[in-house]
Amino acid sequence: MRILERKHIDIKRWDTMVWETKNSLFYNLSWCLDALCTDWVVVMKNEYEAAIPFPIKSKAGLKYTYNPFLFHRVSVVGEMSEEEVDEAIWKVAKYVDVRITHEVEGAVVWNNCELAMDKTYLEIIQGYSSNSKRNVKKAVKESLVFSSANNAALISFFFKENVSFSALGIKEKEYENFEQLMLEAFDCEIGHGFIVEKDDEILAAGFFVEFNGRLNFVKGTSNALGREIGAMHFLFDRVIHSFAGKLKLLDFSGSNVDTVAQFYRSFGAENKPIWHVKRNHLPFPLNQIKK
């Protein structure tokens, strides 16, 4: 296996490989990696037979992997054995911090919630928790309106108005990356923006990417009134209604925050864990600085 830097990757060939690989994730597409990552490399098996892309940063000449904002996990494009995945992680950098779909040595569980969508809507809602059913009913009584909004500027503005990015440690550049991701996804016709309104006021918004039979939830939020009357519950219920029986999965992307994971599970989602890998093989004293 060899490492290919971004500038040496045949992007047309790479994206074709991603699109044609069964169960590949949209995070592997070049425009997603370009939008969300400071830089990225690929650990390649043979000549575009199989590979893993890794988000990369560099400091003082030291390259290391990291988990960019909204980049949920890395995964294999093509077929690799567990041993080959482990080898790729060892090869990519001396310091590794990454979430990945494959279990490897030293990895710890990272929650990831998925909802099977190959059913009717009526079948799916049988798995809703009583709290979710109650919140959806409350939202319906409020005469909320759900609609498609493939408008990056509109969704961006709503997020800026209602999410304290600084309090969450999210930098302005990361927010700009999110907006670029939406633009690229809408342009490729695999992005879906949705809003919930009451009396022409937006109460909640969500952005999703549809790829390989999987609808990936990327980011969503609601304002104060929306939280009070269950606008996000209503948004997810309407998304489920719209895509039921048309997809394999709704991937909530998961969270190790209990309250967030509980919200996802309230729609009947099951935990399909991925793995968090941290390896520090930097020489002394750098291994004491970067932990």
C-alpha atoms as a PDB file:
ATOM      1  CA  MET A   1       0.000   0.000   0.000  1.00  0.00           C
ATOM      2  CA  ARG A   2       1.083   3.551  -0.673  1.00  0.00           C
ATOM      3  CA  ILE A   3       0.073   7.044   0.413  1.00  0.00           C
ATOM      4  CA  LEU A   4      -1.251   9.419  -2.243  1.00  0.00           C
ATOM      5  CA  GLU A   5      -1.415  13.124  -1.445  1.00  0.00           C
ATOM      6  CA  ARG A   6      -4.429  15.097  -2.640  1.00  0.00           C
ATOM      7  CA  LYS A   7      -2.503  16.668  -5.537  1.00  0.00           C
ATOM      8  CA  HIS A   8      -1.493  13.252  -6.877  1.00  0.00           C
ATOM      9  CA  ILE A   9      -4.968  11.690  -6.834  1.00  0.00           C
ATOM     10  CA  ASP A  10      -6.805  11.203 -10.118  1.00  0.00           C
ATOM     11  CA  ILE A  11     -10.031  12.829  -8.894  1.00  0.00           C
ATOM     12  CA  LYS A  12     -12.225  11.611 -11.739  1.00  0.00           C
ATOM     13  CA  ARG A  13     -11.015   8.064 -11.216  1.00  0.00           C
ATOM     14  CA  TRP A  14     -11.354   8.391  -7.432  1.00  0.00           C
ATOM     15  CA  ASP A  15     -14.938   9.672  -7.510  1.00  0.00           C
ATOM     16  CA  THR A  16     -15.933   7.005 -10.033  1.00  0.00           C
ATOM     17  CA  MET A  17     -14.518   4.412  -7.658  1.00  0.00           C
ATOM     18  CA  VAL A  18     -16.537   5.871  -4.760  1.00  0.00           C
ATOM     19  CA  TRP A  19     -19.780   6.025  -6.742  1.00  0.00           C
ATOM     20  CA  GLU A  20     -19.409   2.460  -7.994  1.00  0.00           C
ATOM     21  CA  THR A  21     -18.418   0.845  -4.688  1.00  0.00           C
ATOM     22  CA  LYS A  22     -21.261  -0.880  -2.872  1.00  0.00           C
ATOM     23  CA  ASN A  23     -21.975   0.617   0.566  1.00  0.00           C
ATOM     24  CA  SER A  24     -19.478   3.448   0.064  1.00  0.00           C
ATOM     25  CA  LEU A  25     -20.269   6.599   2.069  1.00  0.00           C
ATOM     26  CA  PHE A  26     -20.637  10.118   0.683  1.00  0.00           C
ATOM     27  CA  TYR A  27     -17.833  11.263   3.010  1.00  0.00           C
ATOM     28  CA  ASN A  28     -15.442   9.581   0.549  1.00  0.00           C
ATOM     29  CA  LEU A  29     -16.372  11.850  -2.371  1.00  0.00           C
ATOM     30  CA  SER A  30     -13.615  14.287  -3.284  1.00  0.00           C
ATOM     31  CA  TRP A  31     -15.790  17.381  -2.954  1.00  0.00           C
ATOM     32  CA  CYS A  32     -16.879  16.357   0.550  1.00  0.00           C
ATOM     33  CA  LEU A  33     -13.269  15.784   1.597  1.00  0.00           C
ATOM     34  CA  ASP A  34     -12.242  19.086  -0.013  1.00  0.00           C
ATOM     35  CA  ALA A  35     -15.062  20.972   1.710  1.00  0.00           C
ATOM     36  CA  LEU A  36     -14.609  19.621   5.234  1.00  0.00           C
ATOM     37  CA  CYS A  37     -10.908  18.763   5.526  1.00  0.00           C
ATOM     38  CA  THR A  38      -7.887  21.029   5.805  1.00  0.00           C
ATOM     39  CA  ASP A  39      -6.104  18.427   3.677  1.00  0.00           C
ATOM     40  CA  TRP A  40      -6.529  14.735   2.949  1.00  0.00           C
ATOM     41  CA  VAL A  41      -4.563  11.773   1.708  1.00  0.00           C
ATOM     42  CA  VAL A  42      -5.455   8.304   0.499  1.00  0.00           C
ATOM     43  CA  VAL A  43      -3.830   5.043   1.532  1.00  0.00           C
ATOM     44  CA  MET A  44      -4.162   3.079  -1.695  1.00  0.00           C
ATOM     45  CA  LYS A  45      -4.161  -0.680  -2.260  1.00  0.00           C
ATOM     46  CA  ASN A  46      -2.790  -1.479  -5.721  1.00  0.00           C
ATOM     47  CA  GLU A  47      -4.010   0.827  -8.512  1.00  0.00           C
ATOM     48  CA  TYR A  48      -7.398   2.180  -7.373  1.00  0.00           C
ATOM     49  CA  GLU A  49      -8.448  -1.293  -6.254  1.00  0.00           C
ATOM     50  CA  ALA A  50      -9.269  -0.229  -2.691  1.00  0.00           C
ATOM     51  CA  ALA A  51      -8.363   2.687  -0.456  1.00  0.00           C
ATOM     52  CA  ILE A  52      -9.078   4.686   2.692  1.00  0.00           C
ATOM     53  CA  PRO A  53      -9.092   8.502   2.657  1.00  0.00           C
ATOM     54  CA  PHE A  54      -7.840  10.242   5.801  1.00  0.00           C
ATOM     55  CA  PRO A  55      -8.305  13.892   6.847  1.00  0.00           C
ATOM     56  CA  ILE A  56      -4.861  15.325   7.530  1.00  0.00           C
ATOM     57  CA  LYS A  57      -3.399  18.351   9.264  1.00  0.00           C
ATOM     58  CA  SER A  58       0.204  19.421   9.571  1.00  0.00           C
ATOM     59  CA  LYS A  59       2.005  21.293  12.341  1.00  0.00           C
ATOM     60  CA  ALA A  60       5.741  21.986  12.554  1.00  0.00           C
ATOM     61  CA  GLY A  61       6.260  19.524   9.722  1.00  0.00           C
ATOM     62  CA  LEU A  62       4.298  16.825  11.552  1.00  0.00           C
ATOM     63  CA  LYS A  63       1.336  15.278   9.751  1.00  0.00           C
ATOM     64  CA  TYR A  64      -1.496  13.787  11.781  1.00  0.00           C
ATOM     65  CA  THR A  65      -5.073  12.633  11.219  1.00  0.00           C
ATOM     66  CA  TYR A  66      -8.027  14.352  12.833  1.00  0.00           C
ATOM     67  CA  ASN A  67     -11.842  14.400  12.872  1.00  0.00           C
ATOM     68  CA  PRO A  68     -13.116  17.475  10.995  1.00  0.00           C
ATOM     69  CA  PHE A  69     -16.376  19.160  11.986  1.00  0.00           C
ATOM     70  CA  LEU A  70     -19.288  17.192  10.446  1.00  0.00           C
ATOM     71  CA  PHE A  71     -16.975  14.541   8.962  1.00  0.00           C
ATOM     72  CA  HIS A  72     -18.430  11.608  10.826  1.00  0.00           C
ATOM     73  CA  ARG A  73     -16.128   8.735   9.891  1.00  0.00           C
ATOM     74  CA  VAL A  74     -13.624   7.346   7.438  1.00  0.00           C
ATOM     75  CA  SER A  75     -14.321   4.090   5.652  1.00  0.00           C
ATOM     76  CA  VAL A  76     -12.884   1.726   3.086  1.00  0.00           C
ATOM     77  CA  VAL A  77     -13.642   2.275  -0.581  1.00  0.00           C
ATOM     78  CA  GLY A  78     -13.476  -1.187  -2.131  1.00  0.00           C
ATOM     79  CA  GLU A  79     -12.446  -4.319  -0.244  1.00  0.00           C
ATOM     80  CA  MET A  80      -9.792  -4.552   2.466  1.00  0.00           C
ATOM     81  CA  SER A  81      -9.172  -7.188   5.101  1.00  0.00           C
ATOM     82  CA  GLU A  82      -9.020  -6.215   8.781  1.00  0.00           C
ATOM     83  CA  GLU A  83      -5.250  -6.611   8.606  1.00  0.00           C
ATOM     84  CA  GLU A  84      -5.044  -4.260   5.619  1.00  0.00           C
ATOM     85  CA  VAL A  85      -7.188  -1.635   7.358  1.00  0.00           C
ATOM     86  CA  ASP A  86      -4.928  -1.849  10.398  1.00  0.00           C
ATOM     87  CA  GLU A  87      -1.869  -1.522   8.154  1.00  0.00           C
ATOM     88  CA  ALA A  88      -3.345   1.560   6.474  1.00  0.00           C
ATOM     89  CA  ILE A  89      -3.861   3.243   9.850  1.00  0.00           C
ATOM     90  CA  TRP A  90      -0.282   2.478  10.886  1.00  0.00           C
ATOM     91  CA  LYS A  91       0.975   3.794   7.563  1.00  0.00           C
ATOM     92  CA  VAL A  92      -0.915   7.088   7.292  1.00  0.00           C
ATOM     93  CA  ALA A  93       0.683   8.951  10.233  1.00  0.00           C
ATOM     94  CA  LYS A  94       2.548   8.474  13.491  1.00  0.00           C
ATOM     95  CA  TYR A  95      -0.264  10.253  15.316  1.00  0.00           C
ATOM     96  CA  VAL A  96      -3.766   9.042  14.505  1.00  0.00           C
ATOM     97  CA  ASP A  97      -7.101  10.225  15.889  1.00  0.00           C
ATOM     98  CA  VAL A  98      -9.927   9.015  13.699  1.00  0.00           C
ATOM     99  CA  ARG A  99     -13.406   7.509  13.707  1.00  0.00           C
ATOM    100  CA  ILE A 100     -13.676   4.549  11.353  1.00  0.00           C
ATOM    101  CA  THR A 101     -16.220   1.917  10.323  1.00  0.00           C
ATOM    102  CA  HIS A 102     -13.852  -1.012  10.976  1.00  0.00           C
ATOM    103  CA  GLU A 103     -12.843  -2.391  14.354  1.00  0.00           C
ATOM    104  CA  VAL A 104      -9.070  -2.449  14.720  1.00  0.00           C
ATOM    105  CA  GLU A 105      -6.566  -2.936  17.518  1.00  0.00           C
ATOM    106  CA  GLY A 106      -7.027  -0.464  20.363  1.00  0.00           C
ATOM    107  CA  ALA A 107     -10.283   0.992  19.027  1.00  0.00           C
ATOM    108  CA  VAL A 108     -13.142   1.986  21.332  1.00  0.00           C
ATOM    109  CA  VAL A 109     -16.847   2.033  20.515  1.00  0.00           C
ATOM    110  CA  TRP A 110     -18.414   5.201  19.114  1.00  0.00           C
ATOM    111  CA  ASN A 111     -22.219   5.275  18.982  1.00  0.00           C
ATOM    112  CA  ASN A 112     -23.871   5.464  15.570  1.00  0.00           C
ATOM    113  CA  CYS A 113     -27.653   5.352  15.224  1.00  0.00           C
ATOM    114  CA  GLU A 114     -29.364   3.971  12.122  1.00  0.00           C
ATOM    115  CA  LEU A 115     -33.023   3.465  11.253  1.00  0.00           C
ATOM    116  CA  ALA A 116     -34.098   0.813   8.734  1.00  0.00           C
ATOM    117  CA  MET A 117     -36.160   2.538   6.021  1.00  0.00           C
ATOM    118  CA  ASP A 118     -37.119  -0.473   3.897  1.00  0.00           C
ATOM    119  CA  LYS A 119     -40.592  -0.473   5.474  1.00  0.00           C
ATOM    120  CA  THR A 120     -43.799   1.513   5.219  1.00  0.00           C
ATOM    121  CA  TYR A 121     -44.189   4.684   7.245  1.00  0.00           C
ATOM    122  CA  LEU A 122     -46.892   3.048   9.371  1.00  0.00           C
ATOM    123  CA  GLU A 123     -44.539   0.180  10.178  1.00  0.00           C
ATOM    124  CA  ILE A 124     -41.688   2.527  11.090  1.00  0.00           C
ATOM    125  CA  ILE A 125     -43.707   4.709  13.474  1.00  0.00           C
ATOM    126  CA  GLN A 126     -44.572   1.642  15.535  1.00  0.00           C
ATOM    127  CA  GLY A 127     -40.982   1.924  16.758  1.00  0.00           C
ATOM    128  CA  TYR A 128     -41.328   5.550  17.900  1.00  0.00           C
ATOM    129  CA  SER A 129     -41.061   6.121  21.626  1.00  0.00           C
ATOM    130  CA  SER A 130     -44.127   7.459  23.433  1.00  0.00           C
ATOM    131  CA  ASN A 131     -42.306  10.776  23.860  1.00  0.00           C
ATOM    132  CA  SER A 132     -41.654  11.098  20.118  1.00  0.00           C
ATOM    133  CA  LYS A 133     -45.258  10.256  19.288  1.00  0.00           C
ATOM    134  CA  ARG A 134     -46.411  12.866  21.789  1.00  0.00           C
ATOM    135  CA  ASN A 135     -44.082  15.529  20.373  1.00  0.00           C
ATOM    136  CA  VAL A 136     -45.146  14.841  16.788  1.00  0.00           C
ATOM    137  CA  LYS A 137     -48.822  15.099  17.778  1.00  0.00           C
ATOM    138  CA  LYS A 138     -48.106  18.378  19.573  1.00  0.00           C
ATOM    139  CA  ALA A 139     -46.371  19.737  16.472  1.00  0.00           C
ATOM    140  CA  VAL A 140     -49.278  18.718  14.229  1.00  0.00           C
ATOM    141  CA  LYS A 141     -51.711  20.572  16.504  1.00  0.00           C
ATOM    142  CA  GLU A 142     -49.552  23.679  16.078  1.00  0.00           C
ATOM    143  CA  SER A 143     -50.201  23.521  12.308  1.00  0.00           C
ATOM    144  CA  LEU A 144     -46.509  23.345  11.462  1.00  0.00           C
ATOM    145  CA  VAL A 145     -45.540  23.253   7.793  1.00  0.00           C
ATOM    146  CA  PHE A 146     -42.752  20.992   6.488  1.00  0.00           C
ATOM    147  CA  SER A 147     -41.101  21.744   3.159  1.00  0.00           C
ATOM    148  CA  SER A 148     -38.012  21.123   1.048  1.00  0.00           C
ATOM    149  CA  ALA A 149     -35.477  23.961   1.024  1.00  0.00           C
ATOM    150  CA  ASN A 150     -32.397  23.212  -1.054  1.00  0.00           C
ATOM    151  CA  ASN A 151     -31.076  26.662  -0.296  1.00  0.00           C
ATOM    152  CA  ALA A 152     -27.659  26.772   1.378  1.00  0.00           C
ATOM    153  CA  ALA A 153     -27.894  30.509   2.121  1.00  0.00           C
ATOM    154  CA  LEU A 154     -31.270  30.136   3.851  1.00  0.00           C
ATOM    155  CA  ILE A 155     -30.182  27.182   5.982  1.00  0.00           C
ATOM    156  CA  SER A 156     -26.850  28.846   6.763  1.00  0.00           C
ATOM    157  CA  PHE A 157     -28.567  32.012   7.951  1.00  0.00           C
ATOM    158  CA  PHE A 158     -30.929  30.046  10.199  1.00  0.00           C
ATOM    159  CA  PHE A 159     -28.014  28.147  11.726  1.00  0.00           C
ATOM    160  CA  LYS A 160     -26.068  31.343  12.349  1.00  0.00           C
ATOM    161  CA  GLU A 161     -29.083  32.840  14.093  1.00  0.00           C
ATOM    162  CA  ASN A 162     -29.747  29.849  16.344  1.00  0.00           C
ATOM    163  CA  VAL A 163     -26.498  27.967  17.006  1.00  0.00           C
ATOM    164  CA  SER A 164     -23.790  29.335  19.282  1.00  0.00           C
ATOM    165  CA  PHE A 165     -20.826  28.055  17.314  1.00  0.00           C
ATOM    166  CA  SER A 166     -18.314  29.753  19.597  1.00  0.00           C
ATOM    167  CA  ALA A 167     -19.848  28.090  22.666  1.00  0.00           C
ATOM    168  CA  LEU A 168     -19.518  24.723  20.928  1.00  0.00           C
ATOM    169  CA  GLY A 169     -15.920  25.420  19.956  1.00  0.00           C
ATOM    170  CA  ILE A 170     -16.765  25.595  16.252  1.00  0.00           C
ATOM    171  CA  LYS A 171     -14.625  27.997  14.246  1.00  0.00           C
ATOM    172  CA  GLU A 172     -15.919  30.335  11.555  1.00  0.00           C
ATOM    173  CA  LYS A 173     -13.932  28.447   8.904  1.00  0.00           C
ATOM    174  CA  GLU A 174     -15.634  25.193   9.893  1.00  0.00           C
ATOM    175  CA  TYR A 175     -19.000  26.859   9.480  1.00  0.00           C
ATOM    176  CA  GLU A 176     -17.965  28.066   6.020  1.00  0.00           C
ATOM    177  CA  ASN A 177     -16.963  24.479   5.218  1.00  0.00           C
ATOM    178  CA  PHE A 178     -20.483  23.346   6.125  1.00  0.00           C
ATOM    179  CA  GLU A 179     -21.985  25.875   3.734  1.00  0.00           C
ATOM    180  CA  GLN A 180     -19.634  24.726   0.967  1.00  0.00           C
ATOM    181  CA  LEU A 181     -20.641  21.112   1.608  1.00  0.00           C
ATOM    182  CA  MET A 182     -24.307  22.015   1.163  1.00  0.00           C
ATOM    183  CA  LEU A 183     -23.605  23.858  -2.093  1.00  0.00           C
ATOM    184  CA  GLU A 184     -21.684  20.889  -3.501  1.00  0.00           C
ATOM    185  CA  ALA A 185     -24.328  18.369  -2.433  1.00  0.00           C
ATOM    186  CA  PHE A 186     -27.181  20.426  -3.888  1.00  0.00           C
ATOM    187  CA  ASP A 187     -25.201  20.817  -7.114  1.00  0.00           C
ATOM    188  CA  CYS A 188     -24.773  17.011  -7.329  1.00  0.00           C
ATOM    189  CA  GLU A 189     -28.482  16.575  -6.553  1.00  0.00           C
ATOM    190  CA  ILE A 190     -27.853  14.366  -3.532  1.00  0.00           C
ATOM    191  CA  GLY A 191     -28.320  17.074  -0.890  1.00  0.00           C
ATOM    192  CA  HIS A 192     -31.661  17.633   0.845  1.00  0.00           C
ATOM    193  CA  GLY A 193     -32.501  20.689   2.907  1.00  0.00           C
ATOM    194  CA  PHE A 194     -35.724  20.765   4.917  1.00  0.00           C
ATOM    195  CA  ILE A 195     -37.395  23.415   7.046  1.00  0.00           C
ATOM    196  CA  VAL A 196     -40.341  23.555   9.434  1.00  0.00           C
ATOM    197  CA  GLU A 197     -42.360  26.773   9.611  1.00  0.00           C
ATOM    198  CA  LYS A 198     -45.221  28.270  11.588  1.00  0.00           C
ATOM    199  CA  ASP A 199     -46.875  31.427  10.284  1.00  0.00           C
ATOM    200  CA  ASP A 200     -43.995  31.851   7.795  1.00  0.00           C
ATOM    201  CA  GLU A 201     -41.367  31.765  10.563  1.00  0.00           C
ATOM    202  CA  ILE A 202     -38.705  29.060  10.294  1.00  0.00           C
ATOM    203  CA  LEU A 203     -38.615  27.014  13.506  1.00  0.00           C
ATOM    204  CA  ALA A 204     -36.277  24.192  12.476  1.00  0.00           C
ATOM    205  CA  ALA A 205     -33.951  23.232   9.641  1.00  0.00           C
ATOM    206  CA  GLY A 206     -32.041  20.103   8.698  1.00  0.00           C
ATOM    207  CA  PHE A 207     -29.545  19.086   6.042  1.00  0.00           C
ATOM    208  CA  PHE A 208     -29.206  15.528   4.725  1.00  0.00           C
ATOM    209  CA  VAL A 209     -27.213  13.759   2.011  1.00  0.00           C
ATOM    210  CA  GLU A 210     -28.659  10.795   0.093  1.00  0.00           C
ATOM    211  CA  PHE A 211     -26.066   8.330  -1.179  1.00  0.00           C
ATOM    212  CA  ASN A 212     -26.017   4.592  -1.890  1.00  0.00           C
ATOM    213  CA  GLY A 213     -29.473   3.976  -0.443  1.00  0.00           C
ATOM    214  CA  ARG A 214     -28.572   5.781   2.770  1.00  0.00           C
ATOM    215  CA  LEU A 215     -29.932   9.147   3.914  1.00  0.00           C
ATOM    216  CA  ASN A 216     -27.266  10.743   6.100  1.00  0.00           C
ATOM    217  CA  PHE A 217     -28.300  13.377   8.617  1.00  0.00           C
ATOM    218  CA  VAL A 218     -25.529  15.972   8.615  1.00  0.00           C
ATOM    219  CA  LYS A 219     -26.782  18.835  10.778  1.00  0.00           C
ATOM    220  CA  GLY A 220     -30.008  20.283  12.130  1.00  0.00           C
ATOM    221  CA  THR A 221     -31.268  22.751  14.690  1.00  0.00           C
ATOM    222  CA  SER A 222     -34.341  24.618  15.907  1.00  0.00           C
ATOM    223  CA  ASN A 223     -35.006  27.968  17.531  1.00  0.00           C
ATOM    224  CA  ALA A 224     -36.506  28.515  20.988  1.00  0.00           C
ATOM    225  CA  LEU A 225     -40.126  28.242  19.840  1.00  0.00           C
ATOM    226  CA  GLY A 226     -39.270  25.216  17.727  1.00  0.00           C
ATOM    227  CA  ARG A 227     -37.792  23.436  20.722  1.00  0.00           C
ATOM    228  CA  GLU A 228     -40.885  24.251  22.767  1.00  0.00           C
ATOM    229  CA  ILE A 229     -43.367  22.769  20.309  1.00  0.00           C
ATOM    230  CA  GLY A 230     -41.370  19.823  18.958  1.00  0.00           C
ATOM    231  CA  ALA A 231     -40.306  21.176  15.561  1.00  0.00           C
ATOM    232  CA  MET A 232     -37.280  18.863  15.217  1.00  0.00           C
ATOM    233  CA  HIS A 233     -39.389  15.824  16.098  1.00  0.00           C
ATOM    234  CA  PHE A 234     -41.814  16.956  13.408  1.00  0.00           C
ATOM    235  CA  LEU A 235     -39.005  17.506  10.881  1.00  0.00           C
ATOM    236  CA  PHE A 236     -37.597  14.008  11.360  1.00  0.00           C
ATOM    237  CA  ASP A 237     -41.067  12.468  11.270  1.00  0.00           C
ATOM    238  CA  ARG A 238     -41.789  14.173   7.942  1.00  0.00           C
ATOM    239  CA  VAL A 239     -38.404  13.115   6.541  1.00  0.00           C
ATOM    240  CA  ILE A 240     -39.149   9.529   7.567  1.00  0.00           C
ATOM    241  CA  HIS A 241     -42.604   9.806   5.971  1.00  0.00           C
ATOM    242  CA  SER A 242     -41.070  11.154   2.734  1.00  0.00           C
ATOM    243  CA  PHE A 243     -38.405   8.460   2.377  1.00  0.00           C
ATOM    244  CA  ALA A 244     -40.056   5.394   3.953  1.00  0.00           C
ATOM    245  CA  GLY A 245     -39.808   2.404   1.623  1.00  0.00           C
ATOM    246  CA  LYS A 246     -37.481   4.273  -0.759  1.00  0.00           C
ATOM    247  CA  LEU A 247     -34.156   3.825   1.052  1.00  0.00           C
ATOM    248  CA  LYS A 248     -32.257   1.245   3.055  1.00  0.00           C
ATOM    249  CA  LEU A 249     -31.280   3.435   5.990  1.00  0.00           C
ATOM    250  CA  LEU A 250     -31.603   6.770   7.717  1.00  0.00           C
ATOM    251  CA  ASP A 251     -28.168   7.336   9.234  1.00  0.00           C
ATOM    252  CA  PHE A 252     -28.428   9.773  12.144  1.00  0.00           C
ATOM    253  CA  SER A 253     -24.595   9.786  12.307  1.00  0.00           C
ATOM    254  CA  GLY A 254     -24.749   9.065  16.012  1.00  0.00           C
ATOM    255  CA  SER A 255     -23.300  10.711  19.048  1.00  0.00           C
ATOM    256  CA  ASN A 256     -21.628   9.765  22.303  1.00  0.00           C
ATOM    257  CA  VAL A 257     -23.707  12.474  23.985  1.00  0.00           C
ATOM    258  CA  ASP A 258     -26.459  10.554  25.775  1.00  0.00           C
ATOM    259  CA  THR A 259     -29.248  13.097  25.202  1.00  0.00           C
ATOM    260  CA  VAL A 260     -28.532  13.288  21.468  1.00  0.00           C
ATOM    261  CA  ALA A 261     -28.328   9.502  21.078  1.00  0.00           C
ATOM    262  CA  GLN A 262     -31.568   9.167  23.048  1.00  0.00           C
ATOM    263  CA  PHE A 263     -33.287  11.594  20.649  1.00  0.00           C
ATOM    264  CA  TYR A 264     -32.209   9.479  17.661  1.00  0.00           C
ATOM    265  CA  ARG A 265     -33.273   6.240  19.333  1.00  0.00           C
ATOM    266  CA  SER A 266     -36.696   7.740  20.061  1.00  0.00           C
ATOM    267  CA  PHE A 267     -37.518   7.225  16.364  1.00  0.00           C
ATOM    268  CA  GLY A 268     -36.712   3.529  16.595  1.00  0.00           C
ATOM    269  CA  ALA A 269     -33.093   3.871  15.468  1.00  0.00           C
ATOM    270  CA  GLU A 270     -30.671   1.172  16.595  1.00  0.00           C
ATOM    271  CA  ASN A 271     -27.079   1.624  17.656  1.00  0.00           C
ATOM    272  CA  LYS A 272     -24.746   0.386  14.914  1.00  0.00           C
ATOM    273  CA  PRO A 273     -21.424   1.377  16.467  1.00  0.00           C
ATOM    274  CA  ILE A 274     -18.350   2.527  14.635  1.00  0.00           C
ATOM    275  CA  TRP A 275     -14.888   2.807  16.177  1.00  0.00           C
ATOM    276  CA  HIS A 276     -12.650   5.548  17.516  1.00  0.00           C
ATOM    277  CA  VAL A 277      -8.930   4.942  17.066  1.00  0.00           C
ATOM    278  CA  LYS A 278      -6.150   6.916  18.750  1.00  0.00           C
ATOM    279  CA  ARG A 279      -2.513   5.966  18.250  1.00  0.00           C
ATOM    280  CA  ASN A 280       0.514   7.977  19.264  1.00  0.00           C
ATOM    281  CA  HIS A 281       3.818   6.722  17.917  1.00  0.00           C
ATOM    282  CA  LEU A 282       5.592  10.035  17.805  1.00  0.00           C
ATOM    283  CA  PRO A 283       9.181  10.126  19.050  1.00  0.00           C
ATOM    284  CA  PHE A 284       9.943  11.550  22.486  1.00  0.00           C
ATOM    285  CA  PRO A 285       9.285  14.336  23.489  1.00  0.00           C
ATOM    286  CA  LEU A 286       6.627  14.950  20.819  1.00  0.00           C
ATOM    287  CA  ASN A 287       4.620  11.993  22.080  1.00  0.00           C
ATOM    288  CA  GLN A 288       4.225  13.840  25.384  1.00  0.00           C
ATOM    289  CA  ILE A 289       2.923  16.993  23.715  1.00  0.00           C
ATOM    290  CA  LYS A 290       0.397  15.490  21.312  1.00  0.00           C
ATOM    291  CA  LYS A 291      -1.985  13.245  23.249  1.00  0.00           C
END
